[in-house]
PDB file of N, CA and C in Angstrom:
ATOM      1  N   MET A   1     121.297  94.677 103.770  1.00  0.00           N
ATOM      2  CA  MET A   1     120.440  94.499 102.627  1.00  0.00           C
ATOM      3  C   MET A   1     120.561  95.671 101.656  1.00  0.00           C
ATOM      4  N   SER A   2     120.694  95.338 100.454  1.00  0.00           N
ATOM      5  CA  SER A   2     120.803  96.471  99.493  1.00  0.00           C
ATOM      6  C   SER A   2     119.501  96.998  99.072  1.00  0.00           C
ATOM      7  N   THR A   3     119.458  98.142  98.462  1.00  0.00           N
ATOM      8  CA  THR A   3     118.227  98.687  97.912  1.00  0.00           C
ATOM      9  C   THR A   3     117.539  97.694  96.938  1.00  0.00           C
ATOM     10  N   LYS A   4     118.387  97.130  96.075  1.00  0.00           N
ATOM     11  CA  LYS A   4     117.837  96.218  95.065  1.00  0.00           C
ATOM     12  C   LYS A   4     117.214  94.935  95.739  1.00  0.00           C
ATOM     13  N   GLU A   5     117.816  94.461  96.782  1.00  0.00           N
ATOM     14  CA  GLU A   5     117.275  93.338  97.481  1.00  0.00           C
ATOM     15  C   GLU A   5     115.937  93.705  98.177  1.00  0.00           C
ATOM     16  N   LEU A   6     115.852  94.819  98.833  1.00  0.00           N
ATOM     17  CA  LEU A   6     114.629  95.258  99.471  1.00  0.00           C
ATOM     18  C   LEU A   6     113.560  95.502  98.411  1.00  0.00           C
ATOM     19  N   LEU A   7     113.879  96.116  97.316  1.00  0.00           N
ATOM     20  CA  LEU A   7     112.944  96.348  96.210  1.00  0.00           C
ATOM     21  C   LEU A   7     112.430  95.024  95.738  1.00  0.00           C
ATOM     22  N   GLN A   8     113.263  94.078  95.513  1.00  0.00           N
ATOM     23  CA  GLN A   8     112.815  92.758  95.151  1.00  0.00           C
ATOM     24  C   GLN A   8     111.919  92.046  96.134  1.00  0.00           C
ATOM     25  N   TYR A   9     112.290  92.181  97.365  1.00  0.00           N
ATOM     26  CA  TYR A   9     111.375  91.669  98.497  1.00  0.00           C
ATOM     27  C   TYR A   9     110.027  92.269  98.367  1.00  0.00           C
ATOM     28  N   CYS A  10     109.957  93.532  98.138  1.00  0.00           N
ATOM     29  CA  CYS A  10     108.614  94.205  98.048  1.00  0.00           C
ATOM     30  C   CYS A  10     107.832  93.753  96.811  1.00  0.00           C
ATOM     31  N   LEU A  11     108.575  93.558  95.741  1.00  0.00           N
ATOM     32  CA  LEU A  11     107.888  93.140  94.449  1.00  0.00           C
ATOM     33  C   LEU A  11     107.361  91.711  94.470  1.00  0.00           C
ATOM     34  N   GLU A  12     107.819  90.871  95.430  1.00  0.00           N
ATOM     35  CA  GLU A  12     107.307  89.476  95.549  1.00  0.00           C
ATOM     36  C   GLU A  12     106.006  89.363  96.166  1.00  0.00           C
ATOM     37  N   LYS A  13     105.434  90.488  96.633  1.00  0.00           N
ATOM     38  CA  LYS A  13     104.139  90.463  97.358  1.00  0.00           C
ATOM     39  C   LYS A  13     103.033  90.468  96.275  1.00  0.00           C
ATOM     40  N   LYS A  14     101.909  89.868  96.712  1.00  0.00           N
ATOM     41  CA  LYS A  14     100.813  89.679  95.818  1.00  0.00           C
ATOM     42  C   LYS A  14     100.193  91.066  95.341  1.00  0.00           C
ATOM     43  N   GLY A  15     100.007  91.231  94.088  1.00  0.00           N
ATOM     44  CA  GLY A  15      99.283  92.346  93.483  1.00  0.00           C
ATOM     45  C   GLY A  15     100.043  93.604  93.447  1.00  0.00           C
ATOM     46  N   VAL A  16     101.438  93.511  93.449  1.00  0.00           N
ATOM     47  CA  VAL A  16     102.215  94.814  93.550  1.00  0.00           C
ATOM     48  C   VAL A  16     102.819  95.101  92.098  1.00  0.00           C
ATOM     49  N   PHE A  17     103.176  96.343  91.916  1.00  0.00           N
ATOM     50  CA  PHE A  17     103.730  96.759  90.713  1.00  0.00           C
ATOM     51  C   PHE A  17     104.557  98.050  90.968  1.00  0.00           C
ATOM     52  N   ILE A  18     105.487  98.319  90.074  1.00  0.00           N
ATOM     53  CA  ILE A  18     106.360  99.524  90.136  1.00  0.00           C
ATOM     54  C   ILE A  18     105.618 100.682  89.425  1.00  0.00           C
ATOM     55  N   ASP A  19     105.643 101.843  89.969  1.00  0.00           N
ATOM     56  CA  ASP A  19     105.188 102.992  89.291  1.00  0.00           C
ATOM     57  C   ASP A  19     106.212 104.169  89.549  1.00  0.00           C
ATOM     58  N   TYR A  20     106.133 105.138  88.769  1.00  0.00           N
ATOM     59  CA  TYR A  20     107.109 106.302  88.919  1.00  0.00           C
ATOM     60  C   TYR A  20     106.225 107.546  89.139  1.00  0.00           C
ATOM     61  N   THR A  21     105.402 107.484  90.222  1.00  0.00           N
ATOM     62  CA  THR A  21     104.401 108.472  90.483  1.00  0.00           C
ATOM     63  C   THR A  21     105.125 109.867  90.682  1.00  0.00           C
ATOM     64  N   PHE A  22     106.197 109.972  91.163  1.00  0.00           N
ATOM     65  CA  PHE A  22     106.837 111.241  91.443  1.00  0.00           C
ATOM     66  C   PHE A  22     108.074 111.536  90.554  1.00  0.00           C
ATOM     67  N   GLY A  23     108.275 110.781  89.502  1.00  0.00           N
ATOM     68  CA  GLY A  23     109.332 111.012  88.533  1.00  0.00           C
ATOM     69  C   GLY A  23     110.252 109.780  88.345  1.00  0.00           C
ATOM     70  N   ASN A  24     111.076 109.827  87.390  1.00  0.00           N
ATOM     71  CA  ASN A  24     111.831 108.666  86.944  1.00  0.00           C
ATOM     72  C   ASN A  24     112.904 108.238  87.930  1.00  0.00           C
ATOM     73  N   ASP A  25     113.338 109.094  88.886  1.00  0.00           N
ATOM     74  CA  ASP A  25     114.309 108.710  89.836  1.00  0.00           C
ATOM     75  C   ASP A  25     113.707 108.366  91.198  1.00  0.00           C
ATOM     76  N   TYR A  26     112.432 108.128  91.202  1.00  0.00           N
ATOM     77  CA  TYR A  26     111.690 107.932  92.473  1.00  0.00           C
ATOM     78  C   TYR A  26     110.725 106.778  92.243  1.00  0.00           C
ATOM     79  N   ILE A  27     111.103 105.541  92.733  1.00  0.00           N
ATOM     80  CA  ILE A  27     110.332 104.367  92.524  1.00  0.00           C
ATOM     81  C   ILE A  27     109.288 104.278  93.608  1.00  0.00           C
ATOM     82  N   THR A  28     108.052 104.065  93.154  1.00  0.00           N
ATOM     83  CA  THR A  28     107.052 103.780  94.020  1.00  0.00           C
ATOM     84  C   THR A  28     106.476 102.372  93.858  1.00  0.00           C
ATOM     85  N   ILE A  29     106.210 101.656  94.875  1.00  0.00           N
ATOM     86  CA  ILE A  29     105.694 100.328  94.850  1.00  0.00           C
ATOM     87  C   ILE A  29     104.233 100.359  95.279  1.00  0.00           C
ATOM     88  N   LYS A  30     103.364  99.939  94.490  1.00  0.00           N
ATOM     89  CA  LYS A  30     101.948 100.037  94.779  1.00  0.00           C
ATOM     90  C   LYS A  30     101.385  98.626  94.788  1.00  0.00           C
ATOM     91  N   THR A  31     100.235  98.486  95.526  1.00  0.00           N
ATOM     92  CA  THR A  31      99.456  97.334  95.583  1.00  0.00           C
ATOM     93  C   THR A  31      98.151  97.687  94.978  1.00  0.00           C
ATOM     94  N   LYS A  32      97.560  96.772  94.217  1.00  0.00           N
ATOM     95  CA  LYS A  32      96.287  97.032  93.530  1.00  0.00           C
ATOM     96  C   LYS A  32      95.138  96.213  94.222  1.00  0.00           C
ATOM     97  N   SER A  33      94.018  96.820  94.266  1.00  0.00           N
ATOM     98  CA  SER A  33      92.831  96.157  94.775  1.00  0.00           C
ATOM     99  C   SER A  33      92.384  95.031  93.915  1.00  0.00           C
ATOM    100  N   ALA A  34      91.993  93.955  94.507  1.00  0.00           N
ATOM    101  CA  ALA A  34      91.496  92.813  93.767  1.00  0.00           C
ATOM    102  C   ALA A  34      90.083  93.034  93.191  1.00  0.00           C
ATOM    103  N   LYS A  35      89.398  93.988  93.744  1.00  0.00           N
ATOM    104  CA  LYS A  35      88.010  94.257  93.263  1.00  0.00           C
ATOM    105  C   LYS A  35      87.791  95.543  92.430  1.00  0.00           C
ATOM    106  N   SER A  36      88.861  96.340  92.405  1.00  0.00           N
ATOM    107  CA  SER A  36      88.705  97.557  91.566  1.00  0.00           C
ATOM    108  C   SER A  36      90.022  97.927  90.944  1.00  0.00           C
ATOM    109  N   GLU A  37      90.073  99.023  90.312  1.00  0.00           N
ATOM    110  CA  GLU A  37      91.326  99.577  89.740  1.00  0.00           C
ATOM    111  C   GLU A  37      92.127 100.428  90.645  1.00  0.00           C
ATOM    112  N   LYS A  38      91.603 100.593  91.799  1.00  0.00           N
ATOM    113  CA  LYS A  38      92.367 101.409  92.835  1.00  0.00           C
ATOM    114  C   LYS A  38      93.676 100.825  93.294  1.00  0.00           C
ATOM    115  N   SER A  39      94.605 101.638  93.494  1.00  0.00           N
ATOM    116  CA  SER A  39      95.954 101.231  94.000  1.00  0.00           C
ATOM    117  C   SER A  39      96.402 102.061  95.110  1.00  0.00           C
ATOM    118  N   ARG A  40      97.400 101.584  95.848  1.00  0.00           N
ATOM    119  CA  ARG A  40      97.897 102.367  96.951  1.00  0.00           C
ATOM    120  C   ARG A  40      99.401 102.157  97.106  1.00  0.00           C
ATOM    121  N   ILE A  41     100.133 103.255  97.274  1.00  0.00           N
ATOM    122  CA  ILE A  41     101.566 103.186  97.453  1.00  0.00           C
ATOM    123  C   ILE A  41     101.892 102.559  98.865  1.00  0.00           C
ATOM    124  N   PHE A  42     102.810 101.594  98.925  1.00  0.00           N
ATOM    125  CA  PHE A  42     103.277 101.056 100.176  1.00  0.00           C
ATOM    126  C   PHE A  42     104.756 101.216 100.410  1.00  0.00           C
ATOM    127  N   ALA A  43     105.551 101.433  99.362  1.00  0.00           N
ATOM    128  CA  ALA A  43     106.924 101.573  99.525  1.00  0.00           C
ATOM    129  C   ALA A  43     107.483 102.597  98.495  1.00  0.00           C
ATOM    130  N   GLU A  44     108.469 103.368  98.898  1.00  0.00           N
ATOM    131  CA  GLU A  44     109.050 104.342  98.032  1.00  0.00           C
ATOM    132  C   GLU A  44     110.577 104.251  98.188  1.00  0.00           C
ATOM    133  N   PHE A  45     111.258 104.305  97.050  1.00  0.00           N
ATOM    134  CA  PHE A  45     112.741 104.212  96.933  1.00  0.00           C
ATOM    135  C   PHE A  45     113.233 105.360  96.137  1.00  0.00           C
ATOM    136  N   TYR A  46     114.345 105.976  96.689  1.00  0.00           N
ATOM    137  CA  TYR A  46     114.930 107.086  96.001  1.00  0.00           C
ATOM    138  C   TYR A  46     116.257 107.418  96.693  1.00  0.00           C
ATOM    139  N   THR A  47     117.014 108.280  96.061  1.00  0.00           N
ATOM    140  CA  THR A  47     118.294 108.737  96.652  1.00  0.00           C
ATOM    141  C   THR A  47     118.099 110.208  97.184  1.00  0.00           C
ATOM    142  N   LEU A  48     118.555 110.340  98.407  1.00  0.00           N
ATOM    143  CA  LEU A  48     118.497 111.668  99.116  1.00  0.00           C
ATOM    144  C   LEU A  48     119.813 111.935  99.735  1.00  0.00           C
ATOM    145  N   ASN A  49     120.411 113.024  99.366  1.00  0.00           N
ATOM    146  CA  ASN A  49     121.775 113.417  99.928  1.00  0.00           C
ATOM    147  C   ASN A  49     122.764 112.330  99.708  1.00  0.00           C
ATOM    148  N   GLY A  50     122.736 111.578  98.605  1.00  0.00           N
ATOM    149  CA  GLY A  50     123.688 110.519  98.291  1.00  0.00           C
ATOM    150  C   GLY A  50     123.367 109.207  99.019  1.00  0.00           C
ATOM    151  N   LYS A  51     122.305 109.102  99.770  1.00  0.00           N
ATOM    152  CA  LYS A  51     121.921 107.907 100.410  1.00  0.00           C
ATOM    153  C   LYS A  51     120.653 107.253  99.941  1.00  0.00           C
ATOM    154  N   GLU A  52     120.673 105.970  99.842  1.00  0.00           N
ATOM    155  CA  GLU A  52     119.523 105.206  99.342  1.00  0.00           C
ATOM    156  C   GLU A  52     118.442 105.179 100.450  1.00  0.00           C
ATOM    157  N   ILE A  53     117.210 105.538 100.096  1.00  0.00           N
ATOM    158  CA  ILE A  53     116.157 105.842 101.058  1.00  0.00           C
ATOM    159  C   ILE A  53     115.015 104.863 100.743  1.00  0.00           C
ATOM    160  N   PHE A  54     114.320 104.578 101.858  1.00  0.00           N
ATOM    161  CA  PHE A  54     113.113 103.787 101.783  1.00  0.00           C
ATOM    162  C   PHE A  54     112.030 104.450 102.703  1.00  0.00           C
ATOM    163  N   THR A  55     110.834 104.785 102.024  1.00  0.00           N
ATOM    164  CA  THR A  55     109.764 105.368 102.770  1.00  0.00           C
ATOM    165  C   THR A  55     108.694 104.376 102.964  1.00  0.00           C
ATOM    166  N   PHE A  56     108.122 104.241 104.090  1.00  0.00           N
ATOM    167  CA  PHE A  56     107.117 103.203 104.429  1.00  0.00           C
ATOM    168  C   PHE A  56     106.029 103.739 105.414  1.00  0.00           C
ATOM    169  N   SER A  57     105.033 103.016 105.669  1.00  0.00           N
ATOM    170  CA  SER A  57     103.980 103.373 106.530  1.00  0.00           C
ATOM    171  C   SER A  57     103.788 102.431 107.693  1.00  0.00           C
ATOM    172  N   THR A  58     103.519 103.022 108.967  1.00  0.00           N
ATOM    173  CA  THR A  58     103.185 102.183 110.135  1.00  0.00           C
ATOM    174  C   THR A  58     102.128 102.892 110.881  1.00  0.00           C
ATOM    175  N   ASP A  59     101.789 102.403 112.039  1.00  0.00           N
ATOM    176  CA  ASP A  59     100.829 103.071 112.936  1.00  0.00           C
ATOM    177  C   ASP A  59     101.689 104.243 113.543  1.00  0.00           C
ATOM    178  N   VAL A  60     101.027 105.144 114.230  1.00  0.00           N
ATOM    179  CA  VAL A  60     101.661 106.291 114.758  1.00  0.00           C
ATOM    180  C   VAL A  60     102.643 105.934 115.897  1.00  0.00           C
ATOM    181  N   ASP A  61     102.284 105.015 116.740  1.00  0.00           N
ATOM    182  CA  ASP A  61     103.141 104.626 117.849  1.00  0.00           C
ATOM    183  C   ASP A  61     104.402 103.931 117.374  1.00  0.00           C
ATOM    184  N   THR A  62     104.341 103.103 116.393  1.00  0.00           N
ATOM    185  CA  THR A  62     105.468 102.424 115.778  1.00  0.00           C
ATOM    186  C   THR A  62     106.408 103.453 115.137  1.00  0.00           C
ATOM    187  N   ALA A  63     105.753 104.429 114.430  1.00  0.00           N
ATOM    188  CA  ALA A  63     106.623 105.362 113.763  1.00  0.00           C
ATOM    189  C   ALA A  63     107.436 106.202 114.832  1.00  0.00           C
ATOM    190  N   LEU A  64     106.765 106.614 115.858  1.00  0.00           N
ATOM    191  CA  LEU A  64     107.472 107.447 116.854  1.00  0.00           C
ATOM    192  C   LEU A  64     108.520 106.519 117.575  1.00  0.00           C
ATOM    193  N   THR A  65     108.175 105.338 117.841  1.00  0.00           N
ATOM    194  CA  THR A  65     109.283 104.466 118.488  1.00  0.00           C
ATOM    195  C   THR A  65     110.488 104.253 117.618  1.00  0.00           C
ATOM    196  N   LEU A  66     110.209 104.015 116.280  1.00  0.00           N
ATOM    197  CA  LEU A  66     111.323 103.865 115.342  1.00  0.00           C
ATOM    198  C   LEU A  66     112.181 105.079 115.255  1.00  0.00           C
ATOM    199  N   ARG A  67     111.565 106.201 115.253  1.00  0.00           N
ATOM    200  CA  ARG A  67     112.330 107.469 115.132  1.00  0.00           C
ATOM    201  C   ARG A  67     113.126 107.756 116.473  1.00  0.00           C
ATOM    202  N   LEU A  68     112.639 107.261 117.504  1.00  0.00           N
ATOM    203  CA  LEU A  68     113.467 107.445 118.740  1.00  0.00           C
ATOM    204  C   LEU A  68     114.595 106.399 118.819  1.00  0.00           C
ATOM    205  N   GLU A  69     114.298 105.202 118.379  1.00  0.00           N
ATOM    206  CA  GLU A  69     115.316 104.174 118.377  1.00  0.00           C
ATOM    207  C   GLU A  69     116.430 104.341 117.350  1.00  0.00           C
ATOM    208  N   TYR A  70     116.140 104.929 116.251  1.00  0.00           N
ATOM    209  CA  TYR A  70     117.114 105.179 115.170  1.00  0.00           C
ATOM    210  C   TYR A  70     116.982 106.638 114.739  1.00  0.00           C
ATOM    211  N   PRO A  71     117.367 107.578 115.586  1.00  0.00           N
ATOM    212  CA  PRO A  71     117.204 108.945 115.312  1.00  0.00           C
ATOM    213  C   PRO A  71     117.970 109.517 114.153  1.00  0.00           C
ATOM    214  N   GLU A  72     119.077 108.937 113.800  1.00  0.00           N
ATOM    215  CA  GLU A  72     119.900 109.336 112.731  1.00  0.00           C
ATOM    216  C   GLU A  72     119.499 108.681 111.428  1.00  0.00           C
ATOM    217  N   SER A  73     118.674 107.592 111.478  1.00  0.00           N
ATOM    218  CA  SER A  73     118.443 106.762 110.291  1.00  0.00           C
ATOM    219  C   SER A  73     116.987 106.687 109.955  1.00  0.00           C
ATOM    220  N   ILE A  74     116.062 106.956 110.845  1.00  0.00           N
ATOM    221  CA  ILE A  74     114.625 106.953 110.495  1.00  0.00           C
ATOM    222  C   ILE A  74     114.040 108.214 110.955  1.00  0.00           C
ATOM    223  N   THR A  75     113.449 108.980 109.959  1.00  0.00           N
ATOM    224  CA  THR A  75     112.856 110.227 110.304  1.00  0.00           C
ATOM    225  C   THR A  75     111.432 110.251 109.761  1.00  0.00           C
ATOM    226  N   ARG A  76     110.671 111.324 110.039  1.00  0.00           N
ATOM    227  CA  ARG A  76     109.338 111.421 109.541  1.00  0.00           C
ATOM    228  C   ARG A  76     109.433 111.415 108.034  1.00  0.00           C
ATOM    229  N   GLY A  77     108.305 110.952 107.367  1.00  0.00           N
ATOM    230  CA  GLY A  77     108.392 110.924 105.876  1.00  0.00           C
ATOM    231  C   GLY A  77     108.880 112.140 105.258  1.00  0.00           C
ATOM    232  N   TRP A  78     109.946 112.032 104.449  1.00  0.00           N
ATOM    233  CA  TRP A  78     110.727 113.092 103.936  1.00  0.00           C
ATOM    234  C   TRP A  78     109.864 114.141 103.213  1.00  0.00           C
ATOM    235  N   HIS A  79     109.043 113.597 102.391  1.00  0.00           N
ATOM    236  CA  HIS A  79     108.239 114.488 101.406  1.00  0.00           C
ATOM    237  C   HIS A  79     106.783 114.601 101.841  1.00  0.00           C
ATOM    238  N   CYS A  80     106.431 113.967 102.882  1.00  0.00           N
ATOM    239  CA  CYS A  80     105.103 113.843 103.333  1.00  0.00           C
ATOM    240  C   CYS A  80     104.471 115.146 103.992  1.00  0.00           C
ATOM    241  N   PRO A  81     103.163 115.422 103.640  1.00  0.00           N
ATOM    242  CA  PRO A  81     102.485 116.461 104.320  1.00  0.00           C
ATOM    243  C   PRO A  81     102.252 116.146 105.806  1.00  0.00           C
ATOM    244  N   PRO A  82     101.980 117.120 106.692  1.00  0.00           N
ATOM    245  CA  PRO A  82     101.889 116.740 108.097  1.00  0.00           C
ATOM    246  C   PRO A  82     100.825 115.688 108.486  1.00  0.00           C
ATOM    247  N   THR A  83      99.716 115.623 107.695  1.00  0.00           N
ATOM    248  CA  THR A  83      98.720 114.629 108.069  1.00  0.00           C
ATOM    249  C   THR A  83      99.237 113.192 107.759  1.00  0.00           C
ATOM    250  N   GLN A  84     100.115 113.016 106.812  1.00  0.00           N
ATOM    251  CA  GLN A  84     100.757 111.687 106.535  1.00  0.00           C
ATOM    252  C   GLN A  84     101.964 111.487 107.235  1.00  0.00           C
ATOM    253  N   ALA A  85     102.684 112.478 107.673  1.00  0.00           N
ATOM    254  CA  ALA A  85     103.969 112.308 108.351  1.00  0.00           C
ATOM    255  C   ALA A  85     103.936 111.574 109.619  1.00  0.00           C
ATOM    256  N   LYS A  86     102.843 111.550 110.255  1.00  0.00           N
ATOM    257  CA  LYS A  86     102.727 110.763 111.524  1.00  0.00           C
ATOM    258  C   LYS A  86     102.743 109.271 111.301  1.00  0.00           C
ATOM    259  N   TYR A  87     102.415 108.868 110.123  1.00  0.00           N
ATOM    260  CA  TYR A  87     102.365 107.467 109.665  1.00  0.00           C
ATOM    261  C   TYR A  87     103.536 107.047 108.845  1.00  0.00           C
ATOM    262  N   LYS A  88     103.974 107.877 107.997  1.00  0.00           N
ATOM    263  CA  LYS A  88     105.061 107.572 107.012  1.00  0.00           C
ATOM    264  C   LYS A  88     106.386 107.997 107.654  1.00  0.00           C
ATOM    265  N   SER A  89     107.377 107.133 107.369  1.00  0.00           N
ATOM    266  CA  SER A  89     108.669 107.352 107.907  1.00  0.00           C
ATOM    267  C   SER A  89     109.696 107.065 106.725  1.00  0.00           C
ATOM    268  N   THR A  90     110.849 107.751 106.804  1.00  0.00           N
ATOM    269  CA  THR A  90     111.892 107.603 105.779  1.00  0.00           C
ATOM    270  C   THR A  90     113.077 106.977 106.491  1.00  0.00           C
ATOM    271  N   ALA A  91     113.614 105.940 105.921  1.00  0.00           N
ATOM    272  CA  ALA A  91     114.816 105.232 106.485  1.00  0.00           C
ATOM    273  C   ALA A  91     116.005 105.209 105.546  1.00  0.00           C
ATOM    274  N   ILE A  92     117.215 105.371 106.045  1.00  0.00           N
ATOM    275  CA  ILE A  92     118.414 105.139 105.271  1.00  0.00           C
ATOM    276  C   ILE A  92     118.549 103.666 105.238  1.00  0.00           C
ATOM    277  N   ILE A  93     118.494 102.985 104.109  1.00  0.00           N
ATOM    278  CA  ILE A  93     118.498 101.570 103.946  1.00  0.00           C
ATOM    279  C   ILE A  93     119.806 100.925 104.605  1.00  0.00           C
ATOM    280  N   ALA A  94     120.893 101.453 104.294  1.00  0.00           N
ATOM    281  CA  ALA A  94     122.141 100.837 104.776  1.00  0.00           C
ATOM    282  C   ALA A  94     122.315 100.854 106.314  1.00  0.00           C
ATOM    283  N   ASP A  95     121.521 101.656 106.994  1.00  0.00           N
ATOM    284  CA  ASP A  95     121.629 101.784 108.466  1.00  0.00           C
ATOM    285  C   ASP A  95     120.699 100.885 109.230  1.00  0.00           C
ATOM    286  N   ILE A  96     119.823 100.213 108.540  1.00  0.00           N
ATOM    287  CA  ILE A  96     118.735  99.458 109.197  1.00  0.00           C
ATOM    288  C   ILE A  96     118.999  98.010 109.084  1.00  0.00           C
ATOM    289  N   PRO A  97     118.838  97.145 110.116  1.00  0.00           N
ATOM    290  CA  PRO A  97     119.017  95.720 109.997  1.00  0.00           C
ATOM    291  C   PRO A  97     118.057  95.087 108.946  1.00  0.00           C
ATOM    292  N   ASP A  98     118.512  94.149 108.262  1.00  0.00           N
ATOM    293  CA  ASP A  98     117.734  93.448 107.194  1.00  0.00           C
ATOM    294  C   ASP A  98     116.292  92.993 107.660  1.00  0.00           C
ATOM    295  N   GLU A  99     116.301  92.340 108.796  1.00  0.00           N
ATOM    296  CA  GLU A  99     115.003  91.855 109.294  1.00  0.00           C
ATOM    297  C   GLU A  99     114.045  92.942 109.590  1.00  0.00           C
ATOM    298  N   LEU A 100     114.491  94.041 110.157  1.00  0.00           N
ATOM    299  CA  LEU A 100     113.678  95.158 110.343  1.00  0.00           C
ATOM    300  C   LEU A 100     113.108  95.776 109.108  1.00  0.00           C
ATOM    301  N   LEU A 101     114.032  95.974 108.067  1.00  0.00           N
ATOM    302  CA  LEU A 101     113.595  96.441 106.794  1.00  0.00           C
ATOM    303  C   LEU A 101     112.421  95.577 106.243  1.00  0.00           C
ATOM    304  N   LYS A 102     112.565  94.287 106.287  1.00  0.00           N
ATOM    305  CA  LYS A 102     111.537  93.382 105.748  1.00  0.00           C
ATOM    306  C   LYS A 102     110.238  93.531 106.604  1.00  0.00           C
ATOM    307  N   ASN A 103     110.419  93.643 107.883  1.00  0.00           N
ATOM    308  CA  ASN A 103     109.182  93.847 108.745  1.00  0.00           C
ATOM    309  C   ASN A 103     108.468  95.136 108.432  1.00  0.00           C
ATOM    310  N   LEU A 104     109.237  96.196 108.098  1.00  0.00           N
ATOM    311  CA  LEU A 104     108.659  97.507 107.794  1.00  0.00           C
ATOM    312  C   LEU A 104     107.960  97.405 106.450  1.00  0.00           C
ATOM    313  N   ALA A 105     108.563  96.732 105.538  1.00  0.00           N
ATOM    314  CA  ALA A 105     107.941  96.534 104.227  1.00  0.00           C
ATOM    315  C   ALA A 105     106.590  95.773 104.412  1.00  0.00           C
ATOM    316  N   ASP A 106     106.722  94.712 105.155  1.00  0.00           N
ATOM    317  CA  ASP A 106     105.446  93.838 105.361  1.00  0.00           C
ATOM    318  C   ASP A 106     104.387  94.665 106.067  1.00  0.00           C
ATOM    319  N   THR A 107     104.729  95.470 107.051  1.00  0.00           N
ATOM    320  CA  THR A 107     103.762  96.304 107.767  1.00  0.00           C
ATOM    321  C   THR A 107     103.092  97.302 106.765  1.00  0.00           C
ATOM    322  N   SER A 108     103.937  97.909 106.062  1.00  0.00           N
ATOM    323  CA  SER A 108     103.459  98.904 105.126  1.00  0.00           C
ATOM    324  C   SER A 108     102.551  98.382 104.078  1.00  0.00           C
ATOM    325  N   TYR A 109     102.834  97.137 103.627  1.00  0.00           N
ATOM    326  CA  TYR A 109     102.025  96.454 102.611  1.00  0.00           C
ATOM    327  C   TYR A 109     100.684  96.080 103.231  1.00  0.00           C
ATOM    328  N   ALA A 110     100.720  95.578 104.441  1.00  0.00           N
ATOM    329  CA  ALA A 110      99.475  95.203 105.137  1.00  0.00           C
ATOM    330  C   ALA A 110      98.573  96.408 105.339  1.00  0.00           C
ATOM    331  N   ARG A 111      99.140  97.622 105.666  1.00  0.00           N
ATOM    332  CA  ARG A 111      98.333  98.784 105.841  1.00  0.00           C
ATOM    333  C   ARG A 111      97.757  99.229 104.560  1.00  0.00           C
ATOM    334  N   ALA A 112      98.474  99.101 103.503  1.00  0.00           N
ATOM    335  CA  ALA A 112      97.955  99.554 102.148  1.00  0.00           C
ATOM    336  C   ALA A 112      96.791  98.583 101.776  1.00  0.00           C
ATOM    337  N   ILE A 113      96.991  97.344 101.941  1.00  0.00           N
ATOM    338  CA  ILE A 113      95.881  96.328 101.620  1.00  0.00           C
ATOM    339  C   ILE A 113      94.700  96.618 102.402  1.00  0.00           C
ATOM    340  N   ASP A 114      94.812  96.973 103.758  1.00  0.00           N
ATOM    341  CA  ASP A 114      93.649  97.213 104.598  1.00  0.00           C
ATOM    342  C   ASP A 114      92.905  98.443 104.118  1.00  0.00           C
ATOM    343  N   LYS A 115      93.728  99.439 103.648  1.00  0.00           N
ATOM    344  CA  LYS A 115      92.989 100.697 103.169  1.00  0.00           C
ATOM    345  C   LYS A 115      92.304 100.534 101.812  1.00  0.00           C
ATOM    346  N   LEU A 116      92.671  99.487 101.093  1.00  0.00           N
ATOM    347  CA  LEU A 116      91.973  99.195  99.803  1.00  0.00           C
ATOM    348  C   LEU A 116      90.704  98.550  99.947  1.00  0.00           C
ATOM    349  N   LYS A 117      90.497  97.942 101.153  1.00  0.00           N
ATOM    350  CA  LYS A 117      89.259  97.058 101.318  1.00  0.00           C
ATOM    351  C   LYS A 117      88.021  97.994 101.583  1.00  0.00           C
TER     352      LYS A 117
END
């Protein structure tokens, strides 16, 4: 799956929009609360060391499992402070199977929606 395809997959979800929270070369995908103006990031896309990167959120156990299963391709959230790093992970898009990428996007979206409630 290409970065463009994964980005499009994320944008098909209800109530999402693109933002450039961290600058023009760093795409953040946010979901907005249906009841307020609050929003929450659930996916981030950028280039790091020449590789297309996707940052997402899961529960702590899933994050640790993914990092053990894909040690060269999924690491703790690249830019995240320690309190977020246990939930946020950074993946090299080209190294991860398509279905897993979609699952990670879905999980991250669901977590963002839950936090907006």
